[in-house]
Amino acid sequence: MDEGIPEGWTRWSDEPDRTVFVYRPDVFDSQAFPAACIPTIYLSDGPHRNRRPERRRTGFRSREWYVTLYLEPEVVLAEERYDERSGALEGSATLARRFAAGELDYRSAYQVPREAYLDRLDELTGRDA
């Protein structure tokens, strides 16, 4: 397990300009829920996680690091900015712990709630108690 990242979160990929953590890939496995519903934290050197690599200049690095928690590709729960990658890694761990502990109100991120999905998140994060 990554230092500071709570149980249930997995480092999915790690590149110089982006690190991705996913929550409970054993549950959000495309069988019970669509794979796009997996809660995901992107740590990236710039605000856009979907930048096309060929459009980036070789060796270019942003001066800012962003940590973004997505519930789905178009549903952002939280986004934070950091001046250094080390701070962004710590911020990722803090955000992951808060999510796993049920401290974040993910239901408010939806205009049209997906009840079965949100009920399952409640179970996994202890919010159903």
C-alpha atoms as a PDB file:
ATOM      1  CA  MET A   1       0.000   0.000   0.000  1.00  0.00           C
ATOM      2  CA  ASP A   2       1.182   3.555  -0.714  1.00  0.00           C
ATOM      3  CA  GLU A   3       2.223   5.543   2.314  1.00  0.00           C
ATOM      4  CA  GLY A   4      -0.765   7.445   3.647  1.00  0.00           C
ATOM      5  CA  ILE A   5      -3.232   5.995   1.143  1.00  0.00           C
ATOM      6  CA  PRO A   6      -5.959   4.134   3.067  1.00  0.00           C
ATOM      7  CA  GLU A   7      -7.052   0.576   2.532  1.00  0.00           C
ATOM      8  CA  GLY A   8      -9.430   0.246  -0.377  1.00  0.00           C
ATOM      9  CA  TRP A   9      -7.513   2.669  -2.598  1.00  0.00           C
ATOM     10  CA  THR A  10      -5.084   1.336  -5.210  1.00  0.00           C
ATOM     11  CA  ARG A  11      -2.424   3.171  -7.206  1.00  0.00           C
ATOM     12  CA  TRP A  12      -3.632   2.457 -10.716  1.00  0.00           C
ATOM     13  CA  SER A  13      -0.879   4.221 -12.624  1.00  0.00           C
ATOM     14  CA  ASP A  14       2.146   6.378 -11.935  1.00  0.00           C
ATOM     15  CA  GLU A  15       3.802   8.617 -14.493  1.00  0.00           C
ATOM     16  CA  PRO A  16       6.036  11.683 -14.070  1.00  0.00           C
ATOM     17  CA  ASP A  17       3.136  14.051 -14.799  1.00  0.00           C
ATOM     18  CA  ARG A  18       0.197  12.027 -13.450  1.00  0.00           C
ATOM     19  CA  THR A  19      -0.674   9.499 -10.758  1.00  0.00           C
ATOM     20  CA  VAL A  20      -4.051   7.788 -10.574  1.00  0.00           C
ATOM     21  CA  PHE A  21      -5.654   6.132  -7.545  1.00  0.00           C
ATOM     22  CA  VAL A  22      -8.901   4.140  -7.733  1.00  0.00           C
ATOM     23  CA  TYR A  23     -11.275   3.109  -4.975  1.00  0.00           C
ATOM     24  CA  ARG A  24     -12.256  -0.509  -4.509  1.00  0.00           C
ATOM     25  CA  PRO A  25     -11.585  -1.906  -7.982  1.00  0.00           C
ATOM     26  CA  ASP A  26     -12.829  -5.232  -6.578  1.00  0.00           C
ATOM     27  CA  VAL A  27     -16.320  -3.721  -6.285  1.00  0.00           C
ATOM     28  CA  PHE A  28     -16.402  -1.309  -9.224  1.00  0.00           C
ATOM     29  CA  ASP A  29     -15.394  -4.028 -11.651  1.00  0.00           C
ATOM     30  CA  SER A  30     -17.933  -3.392 -14.451  1.00  0.00           C
ATOM     31  CA  GLN A  31     -20.061  -6.336 -13.312  1.00  0.00           C
ATOM     32  CA  ALA A  32     -22.008  -4.775 -10.433  1.00  0.00           C
ATOM     33  CA  PHE A  33     -21.351  -1.197 -11.563  1.00  0.00           C
ATOM     34  CA  PRO A  34     -20.156   0.319 -14.816  1.00  0.00           C
ATOM     35  CA  ALA A  35     -16.372   0.708 -14.793  1.00  0.00           C
ATOM     36  CA  ALA A  36     -16.811   4.459 -15.323  1.00  0.00           C
ATOM     37  CA  CYS A  37     -18.350   4.696 -11.834  1.00  0.00           C
ATOM     38  CA  ILE A  38     -15.118   3.845 -10.032  1.00  0.00           C
ATOM     39  CA  PRO A  39     -14.154   6.713  -7.718  1.00  0.00           C
ATOM     40  CA  THR A  40     -10.824   8.003  -9.005  1.00  0.00           C
ATOM     41  CA  ILE A  41      -8.257  10.482  -7.747  1.00  0.00           C
ATOM     42  CA  TYR A  42      -6.062  12.091 -10.410  1.00  0.00           C
ATOM     43  CA  LEU A  43      -2.898  13.867  -9.354  1.00  0.00           C
ATOM     44  CA  SER A  44      -1.630  15.808 -12.358  1.00  0.00           C
ATOM     45  CA  ASP A  45       0.744  18.608 -13.265  1.00  0.00           C
ATOM     46  CA  GLY A  46      -1.974  20.874 -14.520  1.00  0.00           C
ATOM     47  CA  PRO A  47      -5.733  21.053 -14.247  1.00  0.00           C
ATOM     48  CA  HIS A  48      -6.693  18.826 -17.177  1.00  0.00           C
ATOM     49  CA  ARG A  49      -6.365  15.079 -16.655  1.00  0.00           C
ATOM     50  CA  ASN A  50      -7.396  14.236 -20.226  1.00  0.00           C
ATOM     51  CA  ARG A  51      -4.788  16.238 -22.089  1.00  0.00           C
ATOM     52  CA  ARG A  52      -3.597  14.435 -25.149  1.00  0.00           C
ATOM     53  CA  PRO A  53       0.114  13.573 -24.763  1.00  0.00           C
ATOM     54  CA  GLU A  54       0.974  14.514 -28.330  1.00  0.00           C
ATOM     55  CA  ARG A  55      -0.194  18.069 -27.673  1.00  0.00           C
ATOM     56  CA  ARG A  56       2.256  18.564 -24.808  1.00  0.00           C
ATOM     57  CA  ARG A  57       5.713  19.926 -25.354  1.00  0.00           C
ATOM     58  CA  THR A  58       8.484  17.505 -24.470  1.00  0.00           C
ATOM     59  CA  GLY A  59       9.846  18.254 -21.028  1.00  0.00           C
ATOM     60  CA  PHE A  60       7.073  20.721 -20.218  1.00  0.00           C
ATOM     61  CA  ARG A  61       5.971  20.749 -16.582  1.00  0.00           C
ATOM     62  CA  SER A  62       3.277  22.913 -15.084  1.00  0.00           C
ATOM     63  CA  ARG A  63       4.152  24.874 -11.968  1.00  0.00           C
ATOM     64  CA  GLU A  64       0.964  23.653 -10.354  1.00  0.00           C
ATOM     65  CA  TRP A  65      -0.223  20.212  -9.287  1.00  0.00           C
ATOM     66  CA  TYR A  66      -3.899  19.337  -9.120  1.00  0.00           C
ATOM     67  CA  VAL A  67      -5.653  16.619  -7.154  1.00  0.00           C
ATOM     68  CA  THR A  68      -9.126  15.844  -8.490  1.00  0.00           C
ATOM     69  CA  LEU A  69     -11.594  13.284  -7.132  1.00  0.00           C
ATOM     70  CA  TYR A  70     -14.019  12.036  -9.776  1.00  0.00           C
ATOM     71  CA  LEU A  71     -17.064   9.892  -9.037  1.00  0.00           C
ATOM     72  CA  GLU A  72     -17.553   9.428 -12.763  1.00  0.00           C
ATOM     73  CA  PRO A  73     -15.812  11.029 -15.763  1.00  0.00           C
ATOM     74  CA  GLU A  74     -18.010  14.142 -15.649  1.00  0.00           C
ATOM     75  CA  VAL A  75     -18.757  14.225 -11.901  1.00  0.00           C
ATOM     76  CA  VAL A  76     -16.086  16.039  -9.885  1.00  0.00           C
ATOM     77  CA  LEU A  77     -16.382  15.811  -6.113  1.00  0.00           C
ATOM     78  CA  ALA A  78     -13.263  17.781  -5.148  1.00  0.00           C
ATOM     79  CA  GLU A  79     -10.333  19.572  -6.766  1.00  0.00           C
ATOM     80  CA  GLU A  80      -7.356  21.055  -4.962  1.00  0.00           C
ATOM     81  CA  ARG A  81      -4.233  22.852  -6.200  1.00  0.00           C
ATOM     82  CA  TYR A  82      -0.694  22.450  -4.843  1.00  0.00           C
ATOM     83  CA  ASP A  83       2.627  24.096  -5.608  1.00  0.00           C
ATOM     84  CA  GLU A  84       4.654  20.869  -5.422  1.00  0.00           C
ATOM     85  CA  ARG A  85       4.131  17.204  -6.252  1.00  0.00           C
ATOM     86  CA  SER A  86       4.954  16.138  -2.685  1.00  0.00           C
ATOM     87  CA  GLY A  87       2.159  18.326  -1.335  1.00  0.00           C
ATOM     88  CA  ALA A  88      -0.205  16.964  -3.971  1.00  0.00           C
ATOM     89  CA  LEU A  89       0.654  13.395  -2.924  1.00  0.00           C
ATOM     90  CA  GLU A  90      -0.138  14.260   0.694  1.00  0.00           C
ATOM     91  CA  GLY A  91      -3.339  15.951  -0.461  1.00  0.00           C
ATOM     92  CA  SER A  92      -4.290  12.826  -2.427  1.00  0.00           C
ATOM     93  CA  ALA A  93      -3.831  10.681   0.680  1.00  0.00           C
ATOM     94  CA  THR A  94      -5.898  13.065   2.803  1.00  0.00           C
ATOM     95  CA  LEU A  95      -8.687  13.171   0.229  1.00  0.00           C
ATOM     96  CA  ALA A  96      -8.646   9.371  -0.089  1.00  0.00           C
ATOM     97  CA  ARG A  97      -8.871   8.955   3.713  1.00  0.00           C
ATOM     98  CA  ARG A  98     -11.754  11.415   3.962  1.00  0.00           C
ATOM     99  CA  PHE A  99     -13.610   9.648   1.154  1.00  0.00           C
ATOM    100  CA  ALA A 100     -13.031   6.164   2.590  1.00  0.00           C
ATOM    101  CA  ALA A 101     -14.204   7.360   6.018  1.00  0.00           C
ATOM    102  CA  GLY A 102     -17.468   8.698   4.575  1.00  0.00           C
ATOM    103  CA  GLU A 103     -16.577  12.317   5.395  1.00  0.00           C
ATOM    104  CA  LEU A 104     -17.270  13.694   1.899  1.00  0.00           C
ATOM    105  CA  ASP A 105     -20.808  14.445   0.747  1.00  0.00           C
ATOM    106  CA  TYR A 106     -20.691  12.768  -2.647  1.00  0.00           C
ATOM    107  CA  ARG A 107     -24.495  12.785  -2.998  1.00  0.00           C
ATOM    108  CA  SER A 108     -24.418  16.578  -3.415  1.00  0.00           C
ATOM    109  CA  ALA A 109     -22.245  16.219  -6.539  1.00  0.00           C
ATOM    110  CA  TYR A 110     -25.183  14.752  -8.481  1.00  0.00           C
ATOM    111  CA  GLN A 111     -28.013  16.711 -10.045  1.00  0.00           C
ATOM    112  CA  VAL A 112     -29.782  13.438 -10.865  1.00  0.00           C
ATOM    113  CA  PRO A 113     -28.793  10.894  -8.211  1.00  0.00           C
ATOM    114  CA  ARG A 114     -27.896   7.319  -9.084  1.00  0.00           C
ATOM    115  CA  GLU A 115     -29.459   5.760  -6.007  1.00  0.00           C
ATOM    116  CA  ALA A 116     -28.093   2.193  -6.277  1.00  0.00           C
ATOM    117  CA  TYR A 117     -24.578   3.489  -6.853  1.00  0.00           C
ATOM    118  CA  LEU A 118     -24.762   6.035  -4.034  1.00  0.00           C
ATOM    119  CA  ASP A 119     -26.310   3.501  -1.645  1.00  0.00           C
ATOM    120  CA  ARG A 120     -23.366   1.171  -2.351  1.00  0.00           C
ATOM    121  CA  LEU A 121     -20.907   3.995  -1.697  1.00  0.00           C
ATOM    122  CA  ASP A 122     -22.708   4.604   1.594  1.00  0.00           C
ATOM    123  CA  GLU A 123     -22.175   0.954   2.543  1.00  0.00           C
ATOM    124  CA  LEU A 124     -18.508   0.944   1.537  1.00  0.00           C
ATOM    125  CA  THR A 125     -17.688   4.169   3.373  1.00  0.00           C
ATOM    126  CA  GLY A 126     -19.763   3.484   6.497  1.00  0.00           C
ATOM    127  CA  ARG A 127     -22.264   6.272   5.838  1.00  0.00           C
ATOM    128  CA  ASP A 128     -25.229   3.874   6.002  1.00  0.00           C
ATOM    129  CA  ALA A 129     -24.828   3.332   9.755  1.00  0.00           C
END
